[in-house]
Amino acid sequence: MGETMSLSKLIFAAFICSALVLPIAKANRCAELMKGENMSLEIVLTQLEAYNRKNLDENFKYFADDLKVYLLPEGKVLFNNKTEARAHTERGIESGEFATSEVLGQMQSGSFVTLHEQKIKEGVPRTAIITYFVEDGLIKQMWIAPQ
């Protein structure tokens, strides 16, 4: 679901879903809408867990084929699609440059999820603020701001 559900709509949906006045199929859809608010965060964290395990098939299933990744503050495009991003990650694993990512903080606003992430390379911690845009269950865009 591409749009954010307002609090009043969420409360109304919860009331309708729990009132048992809907057929089961409609109640299931209602419950789907209610959990949609949290799905963006769940998608981002799940893909990051797969990334940390070096399970690239699992990791990249959460990315749209037309993924765009930007480096801030310049706005430079790092990757134009999922294939480029995956190839970069594969090279990192093969060369030994790969580092797992630890989440230091997180926040969500609808389809946008922002993580404060830290990687330790050669004993040196490197942090970044990464904002993910999730649409239709896939990460479509990322903005990376190294600290």
N, C-alpha and C. Protein backbone atom coordinates (compact mmCIF):
# COMPACT_ATOMS: atom_id res chain seq x y z
N MET A 1 0.84 -1.16 0.00
CA MET A 1 0.00 0.00 0.00
C MET A 1 0.88 1.22 0.00
N GLY A 2 0.72 2.12 -0.96
CA GLY A 2 1.60 3.25 -1.13
C GLY A 2 1.27 4.44 -0.25
N GLU A 3 0.07 4.56 0.28
CA GLU A 3 -0.26 5.74 1.06
C GLU A 3 -0.26 5.42 2.55
N THR A 4 -0.03 6.47 3.33
CA THR A 4 0.02 6.31 4.78
C THR A 4 -1.37 6.41 5.36
N MET A 5 -1.68 5.54 6.30
CA MET A 5 -2.98 5.55 6.95
C MET A 5 -2.94 6.52 8.12
N SER A 6 -3.89 7.47 8.17
CA SER A 6 -3.94 8.41 9.27
C SER A 6 -4.39 7.68 10.54
N LEU A 7 -4.15 8.32 11.68
CA LEU A 7 -4.52 7.72 12.96
C LEU A 7 -6.02 7.49 13.03
N SER A 8 -6.81 8.44 12.55
CA SER A 8 -8.27 8.26 12.61
C SER A 8 -8.73 7.09 11.74
N LYS A 9 -8.11 6.92 10.56
CA LYS A 9 -8.46 5.79 9.71
C LYS A 9 -8.04 4.48 10.36
N LEU A 10 -6.87 4.48 11.01
CA LEU A 10 -6.39 3.28 11.68
C LEU A 10 -7.34 2.88 12.82
N ILE A 11 -7.77 3.86 13.60
CA ILE A 11 -8.70 3.58 14.70
C ILE A 11 -10.02 3.06 14.14
N PHE A 12 -10.50 3.69 13.08
CA PHE A 12 -11.75 3.26 12.46
C PHE A 12 -11.61 1.82 11.93
N ALA A 13 -10.48 1.54 11.26
CA ALA A 13 -10.26 0.20 10.72
C ALA A 13 -10.20 -0.83 11.85
N ALA A 14 -9.55 -0.48 12.95
CA ALA A 14 -9.47 -1.40 14.09
C ALA A 14 -10.86 -1.68 14.64
N PHE A 15 -11.68 -0.64 14.73
CA PHE A 15 -13.04 -0.81 15.24
C PHE A 15 -13.84 -1.72 14.31
N ILE A 16 -13.78 -1.45 13.01
CA ILE A 16 -14.54 -2.24 12.04
C ILE A 16 -14.07 -3.69 12.05
N CYS A 17 -12.74 -3.88 12.05
CA CYS A 17 -12.20 -5.24 12.01
C CYS A 17 -12.60 -6.03 13.25
N SER A 18 -12.61 -5.37 14.38
CA SER A 18 -12.90 -6.08 15.62
C SER A 18 -14.39 -6.20 15.91
N ALA A 19 -15.22 -5.49 15.15
CA ALA A 19 -16.66 -5.50 15.42
C ALA A 19 -17.34 -6.78 14.92
N LEU A 20 -16.59 -7.60 14.17
CA LEU A 20 -17.10 -8.87 13.65
C LEU A 20 -18.33 -8.68 12.77
N VAL A 21 -18.42 -7.51 12.12
CA VAL A 21 -19.53 -7.28 11.21
C VAL A 21 -19.12 -7.52 9.76
N LEU A 22 -17.86 -7.81 9.54
CA LEU A 22 -17.37 -8.03 8.19
C LEU A 22 -17.18 -9.52 7.92
N PRO A 23 -17.40 -9.93 6.69
CA PRO A 23 -17.04 -11.32 6.35
C PRO A 23 -15.53 -11.51 6.56
N ILE A 24 -15.12 -12.74 6.72
CA ILE A 24 -13.72 -13.04 7.02
C ILE A 24 -12.77 -12.44 5.98
N ALA A 25 -13.08 -12.52 4.69
CA ALA A 25 -12.20 -11.99 3.66
C ALA A 25 -11.98 -10.49 3.85
N LYS A 26 -13.03 -9.76 4.14
CA LYS A 26 -12.89 -8.31 4.34
C LYS A 26 -12.16 -8.02 5.64
N ALA A 27 -12.37 -8.81 6.65
CA ALA A 27 -11.66 -8.62 7.92
C ALA A 27 -10.17 -8.85 7.73
N ASN A 28 -9.80 -9.84 6.91
CA ASN A 28 -8.40 -10.09 6.63
C ASN A 28 -7.76 -8.91 5.91
N ARG A 29 -8.49 -8.34 4.93
CA ARG A 29 -7.98 -7.16 4.21
C ARG A 29 -7.84 -5.98 5.17
N CYS A 30 -8.78 -5.84 6.05
CA CYS A 30 -8.76 -4.78 7.05
C CYS A 30 -7.51 -4.93 7.93
N ALA A 31 -7.24 -6.14 8.36
CA ALA A 31 -6.07 -6.39 9.19
C ALA A 31 -4.79 -6.11 8.40
N GLU A 32 -4.80 -6.44 7.09
CA GLU A 32 -3.66 -6.15 6.22
C GLU A 32 -3.37 -4.66 6.19
N LEU A 33 -4.42 -3.85 6.04
CA LEU A 33 -4.27 -2.40 6.01
C LEU A 33 -3.72 -1.89 7.34
N MET A 34 -4.19 -2.46 8.42
CA MET A 34 -3.75 -2.01 9.73
C MET A 34 -2.27 -2.29 9.95
N LYS A 35 -1.77 -3.42 9.48
CA LYS A 35 -0.37 -3.74 9.72
C LYS A 35 0.55 -3.06 8.69
N GLY A 36 -0.01 -2.50 7.63
CA GLY A 36 0.78 -1.85 6.59
C GLY A 36 1.67 -0.73 7.11
N GLU A 37 1.25 -0.05 8.13
CA GLU A 37 2.03 1.04 8.72
C GLU A 37 3.39 0.53 9.20
N ASN A 38 3.45 -0.66 9.74
CA ASN A 38 4.69 -1.18 10.29
C ASN A 38 5.48 -2.03 9.31
N MET A 39 4.92 -2.33 8.16
CA MET A 39 5.59 -3.22 7.21
C MET A 39 6.87 -2.61 6.65
N SER A 40 6.91 -1.31 6.45
CA SER A 40 8.12 -0.69 5.89
C SER A 40 9.32 -0.93 6.80
N LEU A 41 9.14 -0.71 8.09
CA LEU A 41 10.22 -0.94 9.04
C LEU A 41 10.61 -2.41 9.07
N GLU A 42 9.63 -3.28 9.09
CA GLU A 42 9.90 -4.72 9.10
C GLU A 42 10.68 -5.15 7.87
N ILE A 43 10.32 -4.63 6.70
CA ILE A 43 11.02 -4.97 5.45
C ILE A 43 12.48 -4.53 5.51
N VAL A 44 12.70 -3.30 5.95
CA VAL A 44 14.07 -2.78 6.02
C VAL A 44 14.92 -3.59 7.00
N LEU A 45 14.38 -3.86 8.17
CA LEU A 45 15.16 -4.61 9.17
C LEU A 45 15.40 -6.05 8.74
N THR A 46 14.42 -6.67 8.08
CA THR A 46 14.57 -8.05 7.61
C THR A 46 15.65 -8.15 6.54
N GLN A 47 15.65 -7.20 5.60
CA GLN A 47 16.68 -7.24 4.55
C GLN A 47 18.06 -7.01 5.16
N LEU A 48 18.15 -6.16 6.18
CA LEU A 48 19.43 -5.89 6.81
C LEU A 48 19.95 -7.13 7.55
N GLU A 49 19.06 -7.87 8.18
CA GLU A 49 19.47 -9.12 8.83
C GLU A 49 20.02 -10.11 7.80
N ALA A 50 19.37 -10.21 6.66
CA ALA A 50 19.84 -11.10 5.59
C ALA A 50 21.20 -10.62 5.06
N TYR A 51 21.34 -9.31 4.91
CA TYR A 51 22.61 -8.73 4.48
C TYR A 51 23.73 -9.13 5.44
N ASN A 52 23.48 -9.00 6.73
CA ASN A 52 24.50 -9.32 7.74
C ASN A 52 24.88 -10.80 7.72
N ARG A 53 23.96 -11.66 7.29
CA ARG A 53 24.25 -13.10 7.17
C ARG A 53 24.87 -13.44 5.81
N LYS A 54 25.06 -12.43 4.97
CA LYS A 54 25.59 -12.58 3.60
C LYS A 54 24.67 -13.44 2.75
N ASN A 55 23.39 -13.44 3.07
CA ASN A 55 22.39 -14.16 2.28
C ASN A 55 21.81 -13.18 1.26
N LEU A 56 22.50 -13.05 0.13
CA LEU A 56 22.13 -12.02 -0.84
C LEU A 56 20.82 -12.31 -1.55
N ASP A 57 20.47 -13.58 -1.73
CA ASP A 57 19.16 -13.88 -2.33
C ASP A 57 18.04 -13.36 -1.45
N GLU A 58 18.14 -13.62 -0.16
CA GLU A 58 17.13 -13.15 0.79
C GLU A 58 17.18 -11.63 0.90
N ASN A 59 18.37 -11.08 0.99
CA ASN A 59 18.56 -9.63 1.12
C ASN A 59 17.94 -8.88 -0.05
N PHE A 60 18.28 -9.26 -1.26
CA PHE A 60 17.86 -8.47 -2.42
C PHE A 60 16.44 -8.76 -2.89
N LYS A 61 15.77 -9.72 -2.30
CA LYS A 61 14.36 -9.92 -2.66
C LYS A 61 13.49 -8.77 -2.15
N TYR A 62 14.02 -7.97 -1.23
CA TYR A 62 13.27 -6.84 -0.68
C TYR A 62 13.52 -5.54 -1.45
N PHE A 63 14.28 -5.60 -2.53
CA PHE A 63 14.59 -4.41 -3.32
C PHE A 63 13.88 -4.46 -4.67
N ALA A 64 13.39 -3.31 -5.11
CA ALA A 64 12.79 -3.20 -6.43
C ALA A 64 13.88 -3.29 -7.49
N ASP A 65 13.52 -3.83 -8.66
CA ASP A 65 14.49 -3.93 -9.76
C ASP A 65 15.03 -2.55 -10.14
N ASP A 66 14.18 -1.53 -10.06
CA ASP A 66 14.58 -0.17 -10.45
C ASP A 66 15.07 0.66 -9.25
N LEU A 67 15.63 -0.01 -8.26
CA LEU A 67 16.19 0.64 -7.08
C LEU A 67 17.13 1.77 -7.48
N LYS A 68 17.05 2.88 -6.73
CA LYS A 68 18.01 3.98 -6.88
C LYS A 68 18.63 4.22 -5.51
N VAL A 69 19.95 4.33 -5.47
CA VAL A 69 20.67 4.59 -4.23
C VAL A 69 21.49 5.86 -4.43
N TYR A 70 21.30 6.83 -3.51
CA TYR A 70 21.95 8.14 -3.61
C TYR A 70 22.89 8.37 -2.45
N LEU A 71 23.99 9.05 -2.72
CA LEU A 71 24.94 9.45 -1.68
C LEU A 71 24.69 10.93 -1.38
N LEU A 72 24.47 11.22 -0.10
CA LEU A 72 24.24 12.60 0.33
C LEU A 72 25.53 13.16 0.94
N PRO A 73 25.76 14.44 0.91
CA PRO A 73 24.83 15.49 0.52
C PRO A 73 24.83 15.81 -0.97
N GLU A 74 25.76 15.23 -1.74
CA GLU A 74 25.87 15.57 -3.16
C GLU A 74 24.66 15.15 -3.99
N GLY A 75 23.99 14.08 -3.57
CA GLY A 75 22.89 13.54 -4.35
C GLY A 75 23.37 12.66 -5.49
N LYS A 76 24.64 12.28 -5.44
CA LYS A 76 25.24 11.41 -6.47
C LYS A 76 24.55 10.05 -6.47
N VAL A 77 24.25 9.53 -7.65
CA VAL A 77 23.65 8.21 -7.77
C VAL A 77 24.76 7.16 -7.62
N LEU A 78 24.63 6.32 -6.59
CA LEU A 78 25.59 5.23 -6.39
C LEU A 78 25.23 4.01 -7.23
N PHE A 79 23.92 3.68 -7.23
CA PHE A 79 23.45 2.52 -7.98
C PHE A 79 22.16 2.89 -8.68
N ASN A 80 22.05 2.50 -9.95
CA ASN A 80 20.86 2.79 -10.75
C ASN A 80 19.82 1.68 -10.71
N ASN A 81 20.18 0.53 -10.13
CA ASN A 81 19.24 -0.59 -10.08
C ASN A 81 19.73 -1.64 -9.09
N LYS A 82 18.88 -2.63 -8.86
CA LYS A 82 19.19 -3.69 -7.91
C LYS A 82 20.40 -4.51 -8.36
N THR A 83 20.56 -4.73 -9.63
CA THR A 83 21.67 -5.53 -10.15
C THR A 83 23.01 -4.89 -9.79
N GLU A 84 23.11 -3.57 -9.95
CA GLU A 84 24.35 -2.86 -9.61
C GLU A 84 24.64 -2.94 -8.11
N ALA A 85 23.61 -2.77 -7.30
CA ALA A 85 23.79 -2.82 -5.85
C ALA A 85 24.23 -4.22 -5.40
N ARG A 86 23.63 -5.23 -5.98
CA ARG A 86 24.00 -6.60 -5.62
C ARG A 86 25.44 -6.91 -6.05
N ALA A 87 25.82 -6.48 -7.25
CA ALA A 87 27.19 -6.72 -7.73
C ALA A 87 28.21 -6.06 -6.80
N HIS A 88 27.89 -4.88 -6.31
CA HIS A 88 28.77 -4.17 -5.37
C HIS A 88 28.93 -4.98 -4.08
N THR A 89 27.83 -5.49 -3.56
CA THR A 89 27.85 -6.28 -2.33
C THR A 89 28.63 -7.57 -2.54
N GLU A 90 28.42 -8.22 -3.68
CA GLU A 90 29.15 -9.46 -3.99
C GLU A 90 30.66 -9.20 -4.05
N ARG A 91 31.06 -8.08 -4.67
CA ARG A 91 32.49 -7.74 -4.73
C ARG A 91 33.06 -7.53 -3.33
N GLY A 92 32.28 -6.89 -2.45
CA GLY A 92 32.73 -6.67 -1.08
C GLY A 92 32.95 -7.97 -0.33
N ILE A 93 32.05 -8.92 -0.54
CA ILE A 93 32.18 -10.22 0.12
C ILE A 93 33.41 -10.96 -0.42
N GLU A 94 33.56 -10.98 -1.74
CA GLU A 94 34.68 -11.69 -2.36
C GLU A 94 36.04 -11.11 -1.98
N SER A 95 36.11 -9.79 -1.84
CA SER A 95 37.39 -9.13 -1.56
C SER A 95 37.72 -9.10 -0.07
N GLY A 96 36.76 -9.47 0.78
CA GLY A 96 36.99 -9.41 2.22
C GLY A 96 36.70 -8.04 2.81
N GLU A 97 36.21 -7.11 2.01
CA GLU A 97 35.88 -5.75 2.46
C GLU A 97 34.51 -5.69 3.14
N PHE A 98 33.73 -6.74 3.04
CA PHE A 98 32.38 -6.77 3.60
C PHE A 98 32.41 -6.56 5.10
N ALA A 99 31.49 -5.74 5.59
CA ALA A 99 31.34 -5.55 7.05
C ALA A 99 29.85 -5.57 7.37
N THR A 100 29.51 -6.24 8.45
CA THR A 100 28.10 -6.26 8.86
C THR A 100 27.71 -4.87 9.37
N SER A 101 26.41 -4.65 9.41
CA SER A 101 25.88 -3.35 9.82
C SER A 101 25.08 -3.50 11.10
N GLU A 102 25.36 -2.62 12.06
CA GLU A 102 24.63 -2.61 13.32
C GLU A 102 23.72 -1.39 13.34
N VAL A 103 22.47 -1.59 13.75
CA VAL A 103 21.52 -0.49 13.85
C VAL A 103 21.70 0.19 15.20
N LEU A 104 22.06 1.48 15.16
CA LEU A 104 22.24 2.26 16.38
C LEU A 104 20.96 3.00 16.75
N GLY A 105 20.11 3.26 15.76
CA GLY A 105 18.86 3.96 15.99
C GLY A 105 17.96 3.81 14.78
N GLN A 106 16.67 4.02 14.98
CA GLN A 106 15.73 3.87 13.87
C GLN A 106 14.51 4.75 14.09
N MET A 107 13.89 5.14 12.98
CA MET A 107 12.62 5.85 13.03
C MET A 107 11.87 5.59 11.73
N GLN A 108 10.57 5.75 11.78
CA GLN A 108 9.73 5.50 10.61
C GLN A 108 8.66 6.57 10.52
N SER A 109 8.39 6.96 9.29
CA SER A 109 7.27 7.85 9.00
C SER A 109 6.62 7.31 7.73
N GLY A 110 5.56 6.54 7.91
CA GLY A 110 4.87 5.94 6.76
C GLY A 110 5.79 5.03 5.98
N SER A 111 6.01 5.34 4.71
CA SER A 111 6.83 4.52 3.82
C SER A 111 8.31 4.80 3.93
N PHE A 112 8.68 5.78 4.75
CA PHE A 112 10.09 6.14 4.93
C PHE A 112 10.61 5.57 6.24
N VAL A 113 11.76 4.89 6.16
CA VAL A 113 12.42 4.33 7.33
C VAL A 113 13.84 4.89 7.34
N THR A 114 14.25 5.42 8.48
CA THR A 114 15.61 5.95 8.62
C THR A 114 16.33 5.16 9.70
N LEU A 115 17.51 4.66 9.34
CA LEU A 115 18.34 3.92 10.29
C LEU A 115 19.66 4.65 10.47
N HIS A 116 20.14 4.66 11.70
CA HIS A 116 21.50 5.09 11.99
C HIS A 116 22.29 3.79 12.06
N GLU A 117 23.15 3.56 11.08
CA GLU A 117 23.87 2.30 10.96
C GLU A 117 25.36 2.49 11.19
N GLN A 118 25.98 1.46 11.73
CA GLN A 118 27.43 1.47 11.93
C GLN A 118 28.05 0.19 11.39
N LYS A 119 29.13 0.36 10.63
CA LYS A 119 29.95 -0.75 10.17
C LYS A 119 31.34 -0.54 10.73
N ILE A 120 32.00 -1.63 11.08
CA ILE A 120 33.38 -1.53 11.56
C ILE A 120 34.28 -2.20 10.53
N LYS A 121 35.13 -1.39 9.90
CA LYS A 121 36.08 -1.89 8.91
C LYS A 121 37.49 -1.64 9.42
N GLU A 122 38.27 -2.70 9.49
CA GLU A 122 39.66 -2.62 9.96
C GLU A 122 39.75 -1.94 11.32
N GLY A 123 38.79 -2.23 12.20
CA GLY A 123 38.78 -1.69 13.54
C GLY A 123 38.26 -0.27 13.66
N VAL A 124 37.91 0.34 12.54
CA VAL A 124 37.43 1.72 12.55
C VAL A 124 35.91 1.75 12.35
N PRO A 125 35.17 2.30 13.33
CA PRO A 125 33.72 2.39 13.15
C PRO A 125 33.36 3.49 12.14
N ARG A 126 32.45 3.16 11.26
CA ARG A 126 31.94 4.12 10.26
C ARG A 126 30.43 4.12 10.37
N THR A 127 29.90 5.30 10.54
CA THR A 127 28.44 5.40 10.69
C THR A 127 27.83 6.16 9.52
N ALA A 128 26.56 5.91 9.31
CA ALA A 128 25.80 6.59 8.26
C ALA A 128 24.34 6.65 8.67
N ILE A 129 23.67 7.67 8.20
CA ILE A 129 22.23 7.76 8.31
C ILE A 129 21.69 7.32 6.96
N ILE A 130 20.86 6.29 6.94
CA ILE A 130 20.33 5.76 5.69
C ILE A 130 18.81 5.82 5.74
N THR A 131 18.23 6.48 4.76
CA THR A 131 16.78 6.54 4.65
C THR A 131 16.34 5.66 3.50
N TYR A 132 15.38 4.81 3.78
CA TYR A 132 14.82 3.87 2.81
C TYR A 132 13.40 4.30 2.48
N PHE A 133 13.03 4.25 1.21
CA PHE A 133 11.64 4.48 0.79
C PHE A 133 11.09 3.14 0.33
N VAL A 134 10.02 2.68 0.98
CA VAL A 134 9.42 1.38 0.68
C VAL A 134 8.06 1.61 0.03
N GLU A 135 7.86 0.94 -1.10
CA GLU A 135 6.59 1.05 -1.82
C GLU A 135 6.20 -0.32 -2.34
N ASP A 136 4.96 -0.69 -2.12
CA ASP A 136 4.45 -1.99 -2.57
C ASP A 136 5.31 -3.15 -2.05
N GLY A 137 5.81 -3.02 -0.82
CA GLY A 137 6.57 -4.09 -0.19
C GLY A 137 8.01 -4.20 -0.61
N LEU A 138 8.52 -3.23 -1.40
CA LEU A 138 9.90 -3.27 -1.86
C LEU A 138 10.60 -1.94 -1.59
N ILE A 139 11.90 -2.03 -1.33
CA ILE A 139 12.70 -0.82 -1.16
C ILE A 139 12.96 -0.25 -2.56
N LYS A 140 12.48 0.98 -2.79
CA LYS A 140 12.59 1.61 -4.11
C LYS A 140 13.75 2.60 -4.18
N GLN A 141 14.00 3.28 -3.06
CA GLN A 141 15.06 4.29 -3.04
C GLN A 141 15.75 4.28 -1.69
N MET A 142 17.04 4.67 -1.72
CA MET A 142 17.82 4.81 -0.49
C MET A 142 18.67 6.07 -0.61
N TRP A 143 18.81 6.76 0.51
CA TRP A 143 19.68 7.93 0.60
C TRP A 143 20.66 7.67 1.72
N ILE A 144 21.95 7.70 1.41
CA ILE A 144 22.99 7.40 2.39
C ILE A 144 23.77 8.66 2.70
N ALA A 145 23.80 9.02 4.00
CA ALA A 145 24.54 10.18 4.46
C ALA A 145 25.61 9.72 5.43
N PRO A 146 26.85 9.56 4.94
CA PRO A 146 27.95 9.14 5.83
C PRO A 146 28.16 10.20 6.91
N GLN A 147 28.56 9.74 8.09
CA GLN A 147 28.80 10.66 9.20
C GLN A 147 30.29 10.85 9.40
